């Protein structure tokens, strides 16, 4: 134990700090993941799929995305999803 010097102390302190920081970030990540799942579940409940897929007149400005179900908008002949970015040319 008489070979314990400044370098060994700093190495141990750095490892301890990294462990505490890693544990804190892991806990924060778990909390964010739980909040994200709650938010996505709430968003899925709020979507009115009947209104999204309802047949309107032939001159539509919005459609439902075939990938995620969110609204799509039209620019010229190209339809683009607001949520996932999926696009296609009509």
N, C-alpha and C. Protein backbone atom coordinates (compact mmCIF):
# COMPACT_ATOMS: atom_id res chain seq x y z
N UNK A 1 0.82 -1.18 0.00
CA UNK A 1 0.00 0.00 0.00
C UNK A 1 0.86 1.25 0.00
N UNK A 2 2.14 1.13 0.19
CA UNK A 2 3.01 2.29 0.17
C UNK A 2 3.32 2.74 -1.25
N UNK A 3 2.84 2.01 -2.31
CA UNK A 3 3.05 2.42 -3.68
C UNK A 3 1.86 3.23 -4.20
N UNK A 4 0.96 3.60 -3.32
CA UNK A 4 -0.20 4.39 -3.70
C UNK A 4 0.25 5.84 -3.89
N UNK A 5 0.17 6.33 -5.12
CA UNK A 5 0.63 7.69 -5.39
C UNK A 5 -0.50 8.52 -6.00
N UNK A 6 -0.16 9.71 -6.42
CA UNK A 6 -1.14 10.65 -6.96
C UNK A 6 -1.81 10.09 -8.22
N UNK A 7 -1.07 9.47 -9.08
CA UNK A 7 -1.60 8.92 -10.32
C UNK A 7 -2.65 7.84 -10.03
N UNK A 8 -2.38 6.96 -9.09
CA UNK A 8 -3.34 5.92 -8.73
C UNK A 8 -4.61 6.52 -8.13
N UNK A 9 -4.43 7.56 -7.30
CA UNK A 9 -5.58 8.22 -6.70
C UNK A 9 -6.47 8.84 -7.78
N UNK A 10 -5.86 9.56 -8.73
CA UNK A 10 -6.63 10.21 -9.79
C UNK A 10 -7.31 9.19 -10.69
N UNK A 11 -6.67 8.09 -10.96
CA UNK A 11 -7.28 7.04 -11.78
C UNK A 11 -8.51 6.47 -11.08
N UNK A 12 -8.39 6.19 -9.81
CA UNK A 12 -9.52 5.67 -9.04
C UNK A 12 -10.66 6.66 -8.94
N UNK A 13 -10.32 7.93 -8.73
CA UNK A 13 -11.34 8.97 -8.63
C UNK A 13 -12.05 9.14 -9.98
N UNK A 14 -11.30 9.06 -11.06
CA UNK A 14 -11.90 9.17 -12.39
C UNK A 14 -12.85 8.03 -12.68
N UNK A 15 -12.45 6.82 -12.31
CA UNK A 15 -13.32 5.66 -12.51
C UNK A 15 -14.59 5.76 -11.67
N UNK A 16 -14.44 6.24 -10.45
CA UNK A 16 -15.61 6.41 -9.58
C UNK A 16 -16.56 7.46 -10.16
N UNK A 17 -16.00 8.55 -10.65
CA UNK A 17 -16.82 9.62 -11.24
C UNK A 17 -17.53 9.12 -12.49
N UNK A 18 -16.83 8.36 -13.32
CA UNK A 18 -17.44 7.81 -14.53
C UNK A 18 -18.58 6.85 -14.18
N UNK A 19 -18.41 6.08 -13.13
CA UNK A 19 -19.46 5.17 -12.70
C UNK A 19 -20.71 5.90 -12.23
N UNK A 20 -20.51 6.94 -11.45
CA UNK A 20 -21.65 7.73 -10.96
C UNK A 20 -22.34 8.43 -12.11
N UNK A 21 -21.56 9.00 -13.02
CA UNK A 21 -22.13 9.68 -14.17
C UNK A 21 -22.88 8.70 -15.08
N UNK A 22 -22.35 7.52 -15.28
CA UNK A 22 -23.01 6.52 -16.10
C UNK A 22 -24.31 6.05 -15.49
N UNK A 23 -24.32 5.86 -14.17
CA UNK A 23 -25.55 5.44 -13.49
C UNK A 23 -26.62 6.51 -13.58
N UNK A 24 -26.22 7.77 -13.46
CA UNK A 24 -27.18 8.87 -13.54
C UNK A 24 -27.76 8.99 -14.94
N UNK A 25 -26.91 8.85 -15.95
CA UNK A 25 -27.41 8.96 -17.32
C UNK A 25 -28.29 7.77 -17.68
N UNK A 26 -27.98 6.60 -17.16
CA UNK A 26 -28.82 5.42 -17.40
C UNK A 26 -30.20 5.63 -16.80
N UNK A 27 -30.26 6.16 -15.58
CA UNK A 27 -31.54 6.40 -14.92
C UNK A 27 -32.34 7.45 -15.68
N UNK A 28 -31.67 8.49 -16.17
CA UNK A 28 -32.37 9.53 -16.92
C UNK A 28 -32.89 8.97 -18.24
N UNK A 29 -32.13 8.11 -18.87
CA UNK A 29 -32.56 7.50 -20.13
C UNK A 29 -33.77 6.61 -19.93
N UNK A 30 -33.80 5.88 -18.85
CA UNK A 30 -34.96 5.04 -18.56
C UNK A 30 -36.21 5.87 -18.34
N UNK A 31 -36.04 7.00 -17.63
CA UNK A 31 -37.17 7.87 -17.37
C UNK A 31 -37.70 8.48 -18.67
N UNK A 32 -36.79 8.93 -19.56
CA UNK A 32 -37.22 9.49 -20.84
C UNK A 32 -37.92 8.44 -21.69
N UNK A 33 -37.43 7.21 -21.65
CA UNK A 33 -38.04 6.14 -22.44
C UNK A 33 -39.47 5.88 -21.98
N UNK A 34 -39.69 5.90 -20.67
CA UNK A 34 -41.03 5.69 -20.14
C UNK A 34 -41.95 6.83 -20.57
N UNK A 35 -41.44 8.09 -20.54
CA UNK A 35 -42.25 9.23 -20.95
C UNK A 35 -42.57 9.16 -22.43
N UNK A 36 -41.61 8.71 -23.24
CA UNK A 36 -41.84 8.59 -24.69
C UNK A 36 -42.92 7.57 -24.99
N UNK A 37 -42.91 6.44 -24.29
CA UNK A 37 -43.92 5.43 -24.55
C UNK A 37 -45.30 5.92 -24.12
N UNK A 38 -45.37 6.67 -23.02
CA UNK A 38 -46.65 7.22 -22.60
C UNK A 38 -47.16 8.22 -23.62
N UNK A 39 -46.27 9.07 -24.13
CA UNK A 39 -46.66 10.08 -25.10
C UNK A 39 -47.13 9.43 -26.39
N UNK A 40 -46.42 8.41 -26.86
CA UNK A 40 -46.81 7.77 -28.12
C UNK A 40 -48.14 7.04 -27.96
N UNK A 41 -48.38 6.45 -26.79
CA UNK A 41 -49.66 5.80 -26.56
C UNK A 41 -50.80 6.82 -26.56
N UNK A 42 -50.56 8.00 -25.97
CA UNK A 42 -51.58 9.03 -25.95
C UNK A 42 -51.85 9.55 -27.35
N UNK A 43 -50.79 9.72 -28.17
CA UNK A 43 -50.97 10.20 -29.53
C UNK A 43 -51.76 9.20 -30.36
N UNK A 44 -51.53 7.92 -30.16
CA UNK A 44 -52.25 6.92 -30.91
C UNK A 44 -53.73 6.95 -30.57
N UNK A 45 -54.05 7.23 -29.32
CA UNK A 45 -55.45 7.28 -28.92
C UNK A 45 -56.14 8.53 -29.48
N UNK A 46 -55.39 9.63 -29.68
CA UNK A 46 -55.98 10.87 -30.12
C UNK A 46 -56.27 10.90 -31.61
N UNK A 47 -55.61 10.08 -32.42
CA UNK A 47 -55.84 10.09 -33.86
C UNK A 47 -57.24 9.59 -34.20
N UNK A 48 -57.90 10.31 -35.08
CA UNK A 48 -59.22 9.93 -35.54
C UNK A 48 -59.06 9.35 -36.94
N UNK A 49 -58.90 8.05 -37.02
CA UNK A 49 -58.61 7.39 -38.29
C UNK A 49 -59.77 7.48 -39.27
N UNK A 50 -60.98 7.54 -38.77
CA UNK A 50 -62.13 7.68 -39.67
C UNK A 50 -62.05 8.99 -40.44
N UNK A 51 -61.65 10.05 -39.75
CA UNK A 51 -61.54 11.35 -40.41
C UNK A 51 -60.36 11.39 -41.37
N UNK A 52 -59.28 10.68 -41.04
CA UNK A 52 -58.10 10.67 -41.90
C UNK A 52 -58.38 9.97 -43.22
N UNK A 53 -59.11 8.89 -43.18
CA UNK A 53 -59.35 8.09 -44.37
C UNK A 53 -60.70 8.36 -45.02
N UNK A 54 -61.39 9.38 -44.55
CA UNK A 54 -62.71 9.71 -45.09
C UNK A 54 -62.56 10.17 -46.53
N UNK A 55 -63.51 9.78 -47.36
CA UNK A 55 -63.51 10.16 -48.76
C UNK A 55 -64.11 11.55 -48.89
N UNK A 56 -63.28 12.47 -49.35
CA UNK A 56 -63.75 13.84 -49.60
C UNK A 56 -63.87 14.03 -51.11
N UNK A 57 -63.94 15.26 -51.50
CA UNK A 57 -63.99 15.54 -52.93
C UNK A 57 -62.67 15.15 -53.57
N UNK A 58 -62.61 15.11 -54.89
CA UNK A 58 -61.42 14.70 -55.60
C UNK A 58 -60.26 15.67 -55.45
N UNK A 59 -60.48 16.86 -54.91
CA UNK A 59 -59.44 17.88 -54.78
C UNK A 59 -58.94 17.90 -53.33
N UNK A 60 -58.16 16.89 -52.92
CA UNK A 60 -57.70 16.75 -51.54
C UNK A 60 -56.45 17.58 -51.30
N UNK A 61 -56.30 18.09 -50.08
CA UNK A 61 -55.09 18.78 -49.68
C UNK A 61 -54.28 17.94 -48.69
N UNK A 62 -54.92 17.00 -48.02
CA UNK A 62 -54.21 16.13 -47.07
C UNK A 62 -54.64 14.69 -47.28
N UNK A 63 -53.75 13.79 -46.90
CA UNK A 63 -54.02 12.36 -46.92
C UNK A 63 -53.40 11.74 -45.69
N UNK A 64 -53.71 10.47 -45.46
CA UNK A 64 -53.10 9.72 -44.37
C UNK A 64 -51.88 8.98 -44.92
N UNK A 65 -50.80 9.00 -44.18
CA UNK A 65 -49.57 8.33 -44.58
C UNK A 65 -49.75 6.81 -44.49
N UNK A 66 -49.35 6.06 -45.52
CA UNK A 66 -49.47 4.61 -45.44
C UNK A 66 -48.45 3.97 -44.49
N UNK A 67 -47.39 4.70 -44.14
CA UNK A 67 -46.36 4.16 -43.25
C UNK A 67 -46.73 4.33 -41.77
N UNK A 68 -47.11 5.57 -41.39
CA UNK A 68 -47.33 5.84 -39.96
C UNK A 68 -48.74 6.34 -39.63
N UNK A 69 -49.54 6.69 -40.62
CA UNK A 69 -50.90 7.13 -40.37
C UNK A 69 -51.05 8.61 -40.11
N UNK A 70 -49.96 9.37 -40.12
CA UNK A 70 -50.04 10.81 -39.89
C UNK A 70 -50.50 11.52 -41.17
N UNK A 71 -50.73 12.81 -41.06
CA UNK A 71 -51.19 13.58 -42.21
C UNK A 71 -50.06 13.82 -43.20
N UNK A 72 -50.41 13.79 -44.48
CA UNK A 72 -49.47 14.10 -45.55
C UNK A 72 -49.94 15.37 -46.24
N UNK A 73 -49.01 16.13 -46.78
CA UNK A 73 -49.36 17.33 -47.52
C UNK A 73 -48.84 17.22 -48.95
N UNK A 74 -49.42 18.00 -49.85
CA UNK A 74 -49.08 17.90 -51.26
C UNK A 74 -48.36 19.16 -51.71
N UNK A 75 -47.25 18.96 -52.44
CA UNK A 75 -46.54 20.05 -53.10
C UNK A 75 -46.41 19.65 -54.56
N UNK A 76 -47.21 20.24 -55.40
CA UNK A 76 -47.23 19.84 -56.80
C UNK A 76 -47.83 18.45 -56.92
N UNK A 77 -47.05 17.49 -57.43
CA UNK A 77 -47.52 16.11 -57.55
C UNK A 77 -46.95 15.22 -56.45
N UNK A 78 -46.14 15.77 -55.56
CA UNK A 78 -45.49 14.98 -54.52
C UNK A 78 -46.23 15.10 -53.20
N UNK A 79 -46.55 13.95 -52.61
CA UNK A 79 -47.16 13.89 -51.29
C UNK A 79 -46.08 13.54 -50.28
N UNK A 80 -45.99 14.30 -49.16
CA UNK A 80 -44.95 14.10 -48.15
C UNK A 80 -45.60 14.03 -46.78
N UNK A 81 -45.15 13.06 -45.96
CA UNK A 81 -45.67 12.90 -44.60
C UNK A 81 -45.02 13.91 -43.67
N UNK A 82 -45.84 14.53 -42.80
CA UNK A 82 -45.33 15.49 -41.83
C UNK A 82 -44.53 14.81 -40.73
N UNK A 83 -44.85 13.56 -40.43
CA UNK A 83 -44.26 12.87 -39.30
C UNK A 83 -42.98 12.12 -39.66
N UNK A 84 -43.06 11.20 -40.62
CA UNK A 84 -41.92 10.33 -40.91
C UNK A 84 -41.14 10.72 -42.16
N UNK A 85 -41.68 11.64 -42.97
CA UNK A 85 -40.97 12.08 -44.17
C UNK A 85 -41.18 11.21 -45.39
N UNK A 86 -42.01 10.21 -45.30
CA UNK A 86 -42.31 9.35 -46.45
C UNK A 86 -42.93 10.20 -47.55
N UNK A 87 -42.50 9.99 -48.79
CA UNK A 87 -43.07 10.76 -49.89
C UNK A 87 -43.22 9.90 -51.13
N UNK A 88 -44.14 10.28 -51.98
CA UNK A 88 -44.33 9.62 -53.26
C UNK A 88 -44.93 10.60 -54.24
N UNK A 89 -44.73 10.32 -55.53
CA UNK A 89 -45.25 11.16 -56.60
C UNK A 89 -46.54 10.53 -57.09
N UNK A 90 -47.55 11.34 -57.22
CA UNK A 90 -48.86 10.86 -57.65
C UNK A 90 -48.93 10.72 -59.14
